[in-house]
Amino acid sequence: MTALDLLSGDAQTFVTKVWASRVHQHRTDPSRLTALLSLDDVDHLLTSTALRTPAIRVARDGSVLAESAYTRRGATLAGRPLTGLVDARRALELFEQGGTIVLQGLHRYWQPLTDLVAELEAELGHPCQANAYLTPPGSQGFAVHSDGHDVFVFQTHGTKLWEVHGEDGAESVLLEPGLSMYLPTGTPHAARTQDTASLHVTIGINQRTWKGLVQRTLRQVVDAVDDGHLPAGYPDEPDLLTEGLADRLQALADAVRAVDVPAAARAESERFLTERPTRQRGGLKDVLAVRTLSDDSLLRRRPGHPCVLVDDGDRVRVLLGDRQLAVPGWLRPALERVRADPTLRPGDLPLDEQSRLVLCRRLVREGLLEVVG
């Protein structure tokens, strides 16, 4: 099951019929969602780690509280000031008083959500992020509001009653473990807990838009317009601008018509496939294990890591998500095997022993493959 299947039920149907158009709900096995972030996990993060702002904020009755209300004063590390360090006792007091604790950017430091976000990004082609909201019984952290991006929300503890506004008015949705909900950009909503504390996760989808793509495609074209000064006196005689502006707009139009559209589309795809954050859990273990890699070593593709092959003359570029590799073209059949199989052994590759071990060591070091066991 893919990340999008887990959250939407059917990735293909969601992308073709729901994506960015309407509210959508999906019910699944609660354990698959609650395993991503439990109440105990949040307790651990809040009380047993050096959590710092802006990875946390607290809201109550529609207002975000000042950081000073839940951070430590005078904290140091190796004799140097450490700012924004959470005071767990003060944060829990605010929670008991009705405050919602928001854990921000969890995809950066909580591995289950790191993997989920990585897989979702690869499926959608849009950057994603993960926040969690811990709210005490009978409380509401935020008033009715809308987000500037699409979101998936799912409950991992307790229940929360959502008020979701649409074209036909407001609808009440009781979010509970096992139920996920998709809200398109701009959907007004608010949520309140019931008799138990609530923990829910929000996956924000920071859309790449047609406007952004056109702007990126035309950036070089617009940058080619000269930087000459406008003629003196034009505020009083606007006609002084007419001929020069017409000439430049005509040149710009000619340049736009000459844009290599397929190349621009490929560049956008490659940009996404080479600029994602580095995700390499277990990298230290792999660096040590790669020294003794053999034909029988079991290797596995890292979750959410693409492996896109682009022919480039007598070489092949391998797009890995956060970077790209350029390798000799004769390695393509072996790379196709790596791309096709979630798990494999170096001995499975159609190369001589030395070449396949060198390639596998390289792909482990680059983070595409991890050593199993």
Protein backbone atom coordinates (compact mmCIF):
# COMPACT_ATOMS: atom_id res chain seq x y z
CA MET A 1 0.00 0.00 0.00
CA THR A 2 1.39 3.40 -0.98
CA ALA A 3 1.26 6.49 1.23
CA LEU A 4 -1.45 8.01 -0.97
CA ASP A 5 -3.47 4.78 -0.86
CA LEU A 6 -3.24 4.81 2.95
CA LEU A 7 -4.57 8.36 3.22
CA SER A 8 -7.04 8.45 0.33
CA GLY A 9 -8.10 4.84 -0.28
CA ASP A 10 -7.31 4.73 -4.01
CA ALA A 11 -4.41 6.80 -5.30
CA GLN A 12 -5.50 6.68 -8.94
CA THR A 13 -9.10 7.73 -8.20
CA PHE A 14 -7.92 10.42 -5.81
CA VAL A 15 -5.51 11.99 -8.30
CA THR A 16 -7.95 11.93 -11.22
CA LYS A 17 -11.20 12.86 -9.47
CA VAL A 18 -10.57 14.43 -6.06
CA TRP A 19 -7.14 16.09 -6.04
CA ALA A 20 -7.41 19.84 -5.30
CA SER A 21 -11.17 19.90 -5.91
CA ARG A 22 -13.25 18.70 -2.95
CA VAL A 23 -13.22 17.40 0.61
CA HIS A 24 -12.62 13.66 0.76
CA GLN A 25 -12.79 11.13 3.62
CA HIS A 26 -11.30 7.64 3.83
CA ARG A 27 -11.49 4.96 6.50
CA THR A 28 -8.67 2.46 6.97
CA ASP A 29 -7.12 0.14 9.57
CA PRO A 30 -6.61 2.42 12.62
CA SER A 31 -3.36 0.71 13.57
CA ARG A 32 -1.68 1.83 10.34
CA LEU A 33 -2.26 5.47 11.24
CA THR A 34 -1.83 5.34 15.02
CA ALA A 35 1.56 3.65 14.55
CA LEU A 36 2.82 6.82 12.85
CA LEU A 37 2.62 8.96 16.01
CA SER A 38 1.17 7.81 19.33
CA LEU A 39 0.41 9.68 22.53
CA ASP A 40 3.46 7.99 24.09
CA ASP A 41 5.59 9.22 21.17
CA VAL A 42 4.48 12.81 21.81
CA ASP A 43 5.12 12.38 25.53
CA HIS A 44 8.66 11.23 24.70
CA LEU A 45 9.30 14.14 22.34
CA LEU A 46 7.90 16.68 24.76
CA THR A 47 9.46 15.48 28.01
CA SER A 48 12.58 13.47 27.09
CA THR A 49 14.20 15.31 24.18
CA ALA A 50 15.74 18.74 23.75
CA LEU A 51 12.80 20.05 21.73
CA ARG A 52 13.23 23.70 20.74
CA THR A 53 11.16 26.36 19.06
CA PRO A 54 10.04 26.72 16.29
CA ALA A 55 9.51 22.93 16.37
CA ILE A 56 6.79 23.59 18.96
CA ARG A 57 4.15 26.22 19.60
CA VAL A 58 1.15 26.45 21.92
CA ALA A 59 -2.28 27.90 21.05
CA ARG A 60 -5.30 28.53 23.24
CA ASP A 61 -8.72 29.97 22.40
CA GLY A 62 -7.64 30.98 18.92
CA SER A 63 -4.40 32.73 19.93
CA VAL A 64 -0.77 31.52 19.72
CA LEU A 65 0.98 31.99 23.06
CA ALA A 66 4.35 33.70 23.42
CA GLU A 67 7.32 31.30 23.37
CA SER A 68 8.42 32.62 26.76
CA ALA A 69 5.37 30.93 28.29
CA TYR A 70 6.77 27.43 27.70
CA THR A 71 10.54 27.72 27.13
CA ARG A 72 13.41 27.60 29.61
CA ARG A 73 15.38 30.61 30.67
CA GLY A 74 19.14 30.42 31.05
CA ALA A 75 19.62 27.08 29.30
CA THR A 76 23.17 26.37 28.11
CA LEU A 77 25.03 23.77 26.08
CA ALA A 78 28.81 23.45 26.39
CA GLY A 79 28.77 26.79 28.17
CA ARG A 80 26.93 28.60 25.37
CA PRO A 81 23.35 29.98 25.53
CA LEU A 82 20.67 27.61 24.21
CA THR A 83 17.56 29.50 23.18
CA GLY A 84 14.04 28.22 22.66
CA LEU A 85 14.48 25.03 24.73
CA VAL A 86 11.09 23.70 25.81
CA ASP A 87 10.29 23.56 29.51
CA ALA A 88 8.19 20.39 29.59
CA ARG A 89 6.64 21.19 32.96
CA ARG A 90 5.40 24.60 31.81
CA ALA A 91 4.18 23.21 28.49
CA LEU A 92 2.17 20.51 30.29
CA GLU A 93 0.67 23.11 32.61
CA LEU A 94 -0.53 25.09 29.60
CA PHE A 95 -1.92 21.89 28.10
CA GLU A 96 -3.83 21.19 31.32
CA GLN A 97 -5.21 24.73 31.14
CA GLY A 98 -6.66 24.16 27.66
CA GLY A 99 -3.68 24.83 25.42
CA THR A 100 -3.10 22.95 22.17
CA ILE A 101 0.50 21.83 21.75
CA VAL A 102 1.59 21.93 18.12
CA LEU A 103 4.63 19.92 17.02
CA GLN A 104 5.85 21.44 13.77
CA GLY A 105 7.99 19.97 11.01
CA LEU A 106 7.80 16.43 12.39
CA HIS A 107 8.85 15.06 9.00
CA ARG A 108 12.32 16.41 9.80
CA TYR A 109 12.86 14.40 12.98
CA TRP A 110 10.19 11.70 13.50
CA GLN A 111 11.08 8.76 11.24
CA PRO A 112 7.61 7.22 10.64
CA LEU A 113 6.37 10.58 9.36
CA THR A 114 9.64 11.21 7.52
CA ASP A 115 9.02 8.03 5.52
CA LEU A 116 5.33 8.80 4.95
CA VAL A 117 6.08 12.32 3.70
CA ALA A 118 8.91 11.10 1.46
CA GLU A 119 6.65 8.53 -0.20
CA LEU A 120 3.79 11.03 -0.55
CA GLU A 121 6.08 13.60 -2.16
CA ALA A 122 7.31 11.03 -4.65
CA GLU A 123 3.72 10.11 -5.58
CA LEU A 124 2.35 13.65 -5.85
CA GLY A 125 5.37 15.61 -7.06
CA HIS A 126 4.71 18.30 -4.46
CA PRO A 127 6.70 19.12 -1.27
CA CYS A 128 4.94 17.99 1.92
CA GLN A 129 5.29 18.61 5.64
CA ALA A 130 3.90 17.09 8.85
CA ASN A 131 2.58 18.79 12.00
CA ALA A 132 0.80 17.26 15.01
CA TYR A 133 -1.81 18.83 17.30
CA LEU A 134 -2.29 17.67 20.90
CA THR A 135 -5.45 19.15 22.46
CA PRO A 136 -6.89 18.50 25.96
CA PRO A 137 -10.51 17.41 26.49
CA GLY A 138 -13.22 19.97 25.69
CA SER A 139 -10.84 22.46 24.10
CA GLN A 140 -10.25 24.23 20.80
CA GLY A 141 -6.87 25.59 19.79
CA PHE A 142 -7.80 27.60 16.69
CA ALA A 143 -10.94 29.42 15.52
CA VAL A 144 -12.44 28.82 12.06
CA HIS A 145 -9.66 29.36 9.53
CA SER A 146 -8.40 28.11 6.17
CA ASP A 147 -4.94 26.99 5.09
CA GLY A 148 -2.98 28.23 2.08
CA HIS A 149 -2.24 24.66 1.03
CA ASP A 150 -4.01 21.30 0.74
CA VAL A 151 -3.94 19.03 3.81
CA PHE A 152 -4.53 15.45 4.84
CA VAL A 153 -5.54 15.08 8.50
CA PHE A 154 -5.81 11.86 10.50
CA GLN A 155 -6.45 11.06 14.15
CA THR A 156 -4.05 8.91 16.18
CA HIS A 157 -5.58 9.30 19.66
CA GLY A 158 -9.02 10.25 20.93
CA THR A 159 -11.59 12.05 18.79
CA LYS A 160 -12.07 15.55 17.47
CA LEU A 161 -15.22 17.13 16.04
CA TRP A 162 -14.44 19.08 12.88
CA GLU A 163 -16.58 21.83 11.42
CA VAL A 164 -15.83 21.86 7.69
CA HIS A 165 -17.33 24.57 5.48
CA GLY A 166 -18.13 23.94 1.82
CA GLU A 167 -20.35 25.25 -0.95
CA ASP A 168 -23.40 23.61 0.66
CA GLY A 169 -22.71 24.98 4.13
CA ALA A 170 -20.95 23.52 7.18
CA GLU A 171 -20.58 19.79 7.82
CA SER A 172 -19.61 18.11 11.08
CA VAL A 173 -17.03 15.34 10.88
CA LEU A 174 -16.03 13.31 13.93
CA LEU A 175 -12.42 12.42 13.28
CA GLU A 176 -11.32 9.23 15.04
CA PRO A 177 -8.42 6.79 14.59
CA GLY A 178 -8.74 5.11 11.21
CA LEU A 179 -10.47 8.03 9.49
CA SER A 180 -8.43 10.42 7.34
CA MET A 181 -9.71 13.56 5.63
CA TYR A 182 -8.44 15.65 2.73
CA LEU A 183 -9.14 19.39 2.66
CA PRO A 184 -8.32 21.41 -0.50
CA THR A 185 -6.63 24.79 -0.20
CA GLY A 186 -8.86 27.46 1.31
CA THR A 187 -11.40 25.12 2.98
CA PRO A 188 -12.63 26.89 6.17
CA HIS A 189 -12.53 24.60 9.20
CA ALA A 190 -12.24 24.40 12.98
CA ALA A 191 -12.03 21.49 15.41
CA ARG A 192 -12.85 20.82 19.05
CA THR A 193 -12.05 17.84 21.26
CA GLN A 194 -14.75 15.87 23.06
CA ASP A 195 -14.39 13.97 26.34
CA THR A 196 -10.83 12.78 25.77
CA ALA A 197 -7.55 14.34 24.74
CA SER A 198 -6.99 14.42 20.99
CA LEU A 199 -3.90 13.89 18.89
CA HIS A 200 -4.09 14.37 15.16
CA VAL A 201 -1.52 14.74 12.39
CA THR A 202 -1.79 17.20 9.51
CA ILE A 203 0.12 16.54 6.30
CA GLY A 204 0.44 19.84 4.43
CA ILE A 205 0.94 19.74 0.66
CA ASN A 206 2.86 22.79 -0.54
CA GLN A 207 1.70 22.80 -4.12
CA ARG A 208 3.85 23.56 -7.10
CA THR A 209 1.58 25.57 -9.41
CA TRP A 210 1.26 26.36 -13.12
CA LYS A 211 2.02 29.99 -12.28
CA GLY A 212 5.26 29.00 -10.60
CA LEU A 213 6.23 26.73 -13.49
CA VAL A 214 5.61 29.51 -16.04
CA GLN A 215 7.61 31.96 -13.92
CA ARG A 216 10.54 29.56 -13.64
CA THR A 217 10.38 28.77 -17.36
CA LEU A 218 10.39 32.44 -18.36
CA ARG A 219 12.93 33.65 -15.81
CA GLN A 220 15.85 33.49 -18.23
CA VAL A 221 13.76 35.07 -20.98
CA VAL A 222 12.83 38.03 -18.79
CA ASP A 223 16.37 38.32 -17.40
CA ALA A 224 17.59 38.81 -20.99
CA VAL A 225 15.76 42.17 -21.25
CA ASP A 226 18.32 44.98 -21.07
CA ASP A 227 18.74 47.12 -17.95
CA GLY A 228 18.96 50.45 -19.78
CA HIS A 229 17.53 53.54 -18.11
CA LEU A 230 14.07 54.77 -19.00
CA PRO A 231 14.27 58.05 -20.92
CA ALA A 232 14.31 61.27 -18.91
CA GLY A 233 11.02 63.14 -18.87
CA TYR A 234 8.69 60.14 -19.37
CA PRO A 235 6.42 61.05 -16.38
CA ASP A 236 5.29 64.10 -18.28
CA GLU A 237 5.49 62.47 -21.73
CA PRO A 238 4.50 58.78 -21.44
CA ASP A 239 4.78 58.44 -25.22
CA LEU A 240 8.57 58.47 -24.76
CA LEU A 241 8.19 54.87 -23.46
CA THR A 242 5.97 53.57 -26.25
CA GLU A 243 8.50 52.59 -28.90
CA GLY A 244 11.08 51.13 -26.51
CA LEU A 245 8.48 49.12 -24.59
CA ALA A 246 6.91 47.84 -27.80
CA ASP A 247 10.29 46.69 -29.11
CA ARG A 248 11.15 44.87 -25.90
CA LEU A 249 7.74 43.22 -25.60
CA GLN A 250 8.02 42.04 -29.19
CA ALA A 251 11.45 40.59 -28.49
CA LEU A 252 10.07 38.96 -25.35
CA ALA A 253 7.16 37.45 -27.28
CA ASP A 254 9.55 36.06 -29.88
CA ALA A 255 11.70 34.56 -27.11
CA VAL A 256 8.65 32.99 -25.43
CA ARG A 257 7.59 31.37 -28.71
CA ALA A 258 11.10 29.96 -29.06
CA VAL A 259 11.09 28.28 -25.62
CA ASP A 260 11.79 24.56 -25.83
CA VAL A 261 8.68 23.42 -23.97
CA PRO A 262 9.58 19.70 -23.66
CA ALA A 263 13.00 20.67 -22.30
CA ALA A 264 11.40 23.07 -19.79
CA ALA A 265 9.03 20.31 -18.65
CA ARG A 266 11.94 17.89 -18.18
CA ALA A 267 13.87 20.54 -16.27
CA GLU A 268 10.94 21.03 -13.87
CA SER A 269 10.72 17.30 -13.25
CA GLU A 270 14.46 16.98 -12.71
CA ARG A 271 14.46 19.99 -10.39
CA PHE A 272 11.97 18.25 -8.10
CA LEU A 273 13.86 14.95 -8.31
CA THR A 274 17.18 16.47 -7.24
CA GLU A 275 16.28 19.14 -4.64
CA ARG A 276 14.42 17.21 -1.93
CA PRO A 277 15.86 17.07 1.63
CA THR A 278 18.38 14.32 2.30
CA ARG A 279 16.80 11.37 4.14
CA GLN A 280 19.32 8.70 5.09
CA ARG A 281 18.29 6.92 8.28
CA GLY A 282 20.80 4.21 9.11
CA GLY A 283 23.50 5.90 7.07
CA LEU A 284 26.13 5.33 9.74
CA LYS A 285 25.37 1.62 9.85
CA ASP A 286 25.53 1.48 6.05
CA VAL A 287 28.90 3.28 5.89
CA LEU A 288 30.32 0.61 8.19
CA ALA A 289 28.58 -2.34 6.51
CA VAL A 290 29.48 -1.33 2.96
CA ARG A 291 33.12 -2.30 3.55
CA THR A 292 32.18 -5.96 3.79
CA LEU A 293 29.50 -5.96 1.08
CA SER A 294 29.39 -9.21 -0.88
CA ASP A 295 27.34 -10.74 -3.67
CA ASP A 296 25.00 -12.25 -1.05
CA SER A 297 24.35 -9.04 0.94
CA LEU A 298 20.66 -8.11 0.99
CA LEU A 299 19.98 -4.52 -0.11
CA ARG A 300 16.77 -2.50 -0.09
CA ARG A 301 15.58 0.72 -1.73
CA ARG A 302 15.04 3.44 0.84
CA PRO A 303 11.38 4.47 1.26
CA GLY A 304 10.41 7.49 -0.80
CA HIS A 305 13.70 7.63 -2.72
CA PRO A 306 13.23 7.93 -6.49
CA CYS A 307 15.56 6.27 -8.97
CA VAL A 308 14.95 8.01 -12.29
CA LEU A 309 17.35 7.34 -15.16
CA VAL A 310 18.08 10.02 -17.76
CA ASP A 311 20.27 9.24 -20.77
CA ASP A 312 22.88 11.92 -21.36
CA GLY A 313 25.14 11.01 -24.30
CA ASP A 314 27.34 8.11 -23.32
CA ARG A 315 26.41 8.54 -19.66
CA VAL A 316 23.31 8.04 -17.53
CA ARG A 317 22.19 10.50 -14.90
CA VAL A 318 20.53 8.93 -11.86
CA LEU A 319 18.08 11.28 -10.10
CA LEU A 320 17.96 10.33 -6.41
CA GLY A 321 15.64 12.96 -4.92
CA ASP A 322 18.25 15.11 -3.19
CA ARG A 323 20.97 14.86 -5.85
CA GLN A 324 21.98 13.22 -9.11
CA LEU A 325 24.77 10.89 -10.13
CA ALA A 326 26.43 10.65 -13.54
CA VAL A 327 27.61 7.14 -14.39
CA PRO A 328 28.76 5.34 -17.57
CA GLY A 329 25.91 4.39 -19.91
CA TRP A 330 26.79 0.68 -19.86
CA LEU A 331 25.53 0.55 -16.27
CA ARG A 332 21.93 1.26 -17.35
CA PRO A 333 20.76 -2.42 -17.38
CA ALA A 334 22.02 -2.86 -13.82
CA LEU A 335 20.39 0.40 -12.73
CA GLU A 336 17.12 -0.69 -14.34
CA ARG A 337 17.25 -3.77 -12.12
CA VAL A 338 17.87 -1.60 -9.05
CA ARG A 339 14.95 0.60 -10.08
CA ALA A 340 12.59 -2.35 -10.59
CA ASP A 341 13.33 -4.44 -7.48
CA PRO A 342 12.54 -3.19 -3.93
CA THR A 343 15.12 -5.66 -2.58
CA LEU A 344 18.05 -7.32 -4.31
CA ARG A 345 21.55 -8.68 -3.85
CA PRO A 346 24.64 -7.44 -5.73
CA GLY A 347 24.88 -10.88 -7.34
CA ASP A 348 21.52 -10.24 -9.05
CA LEU A 349 22.94 -7.45 -11.22
CA PRO A 350 24.03 -8.17 -14.82
CA LEU A 351 27.63 -7.07 -14.25
CA ASP A 352 30.93 -8.73 -13.43
CA GLU A 353 31.60 -9.22 -9.72
CA GLN A 354 33.91 -6.24 -9.24
CA SER A 355 31.66 -3.83 -11.17
CA ARG A 356 28.45 -4.81 -9.39
CA LEU A 357 30.06 -4.51 -5.96
CA VAL A 358 31.52 -1.10 -6.81
CA LEU A 359 28.11 0.09 -8.06
CA CYS A 360 26.24 -1.23 -5.01
CA ARG A 361 28.73 0.33 -2.61
CA ARG A 362 28.26 3.64 -4.40
CA LEU A 363 24.46 3.45 -4.26
CA VAL A 364 24.57 2.59 -0.56
CA ARG A 365 26.87 5.53 0.18
CA GLU A 366 24.64 7.84 -1.87
CA GLY A 367 21.59 6.76 0.14
CA LEU A 368 19.55 5.05 -2.58
CA LEU A 369 20.09 1.58 -1.11
CA GLU A 370 20.37 0.44 2.49
CA VAL A 371 21.91 -2.73 3.85
CA VAL A 372 19.36 -5.09 5.41
CA GLY A 373 20.34 -6.86 8.61
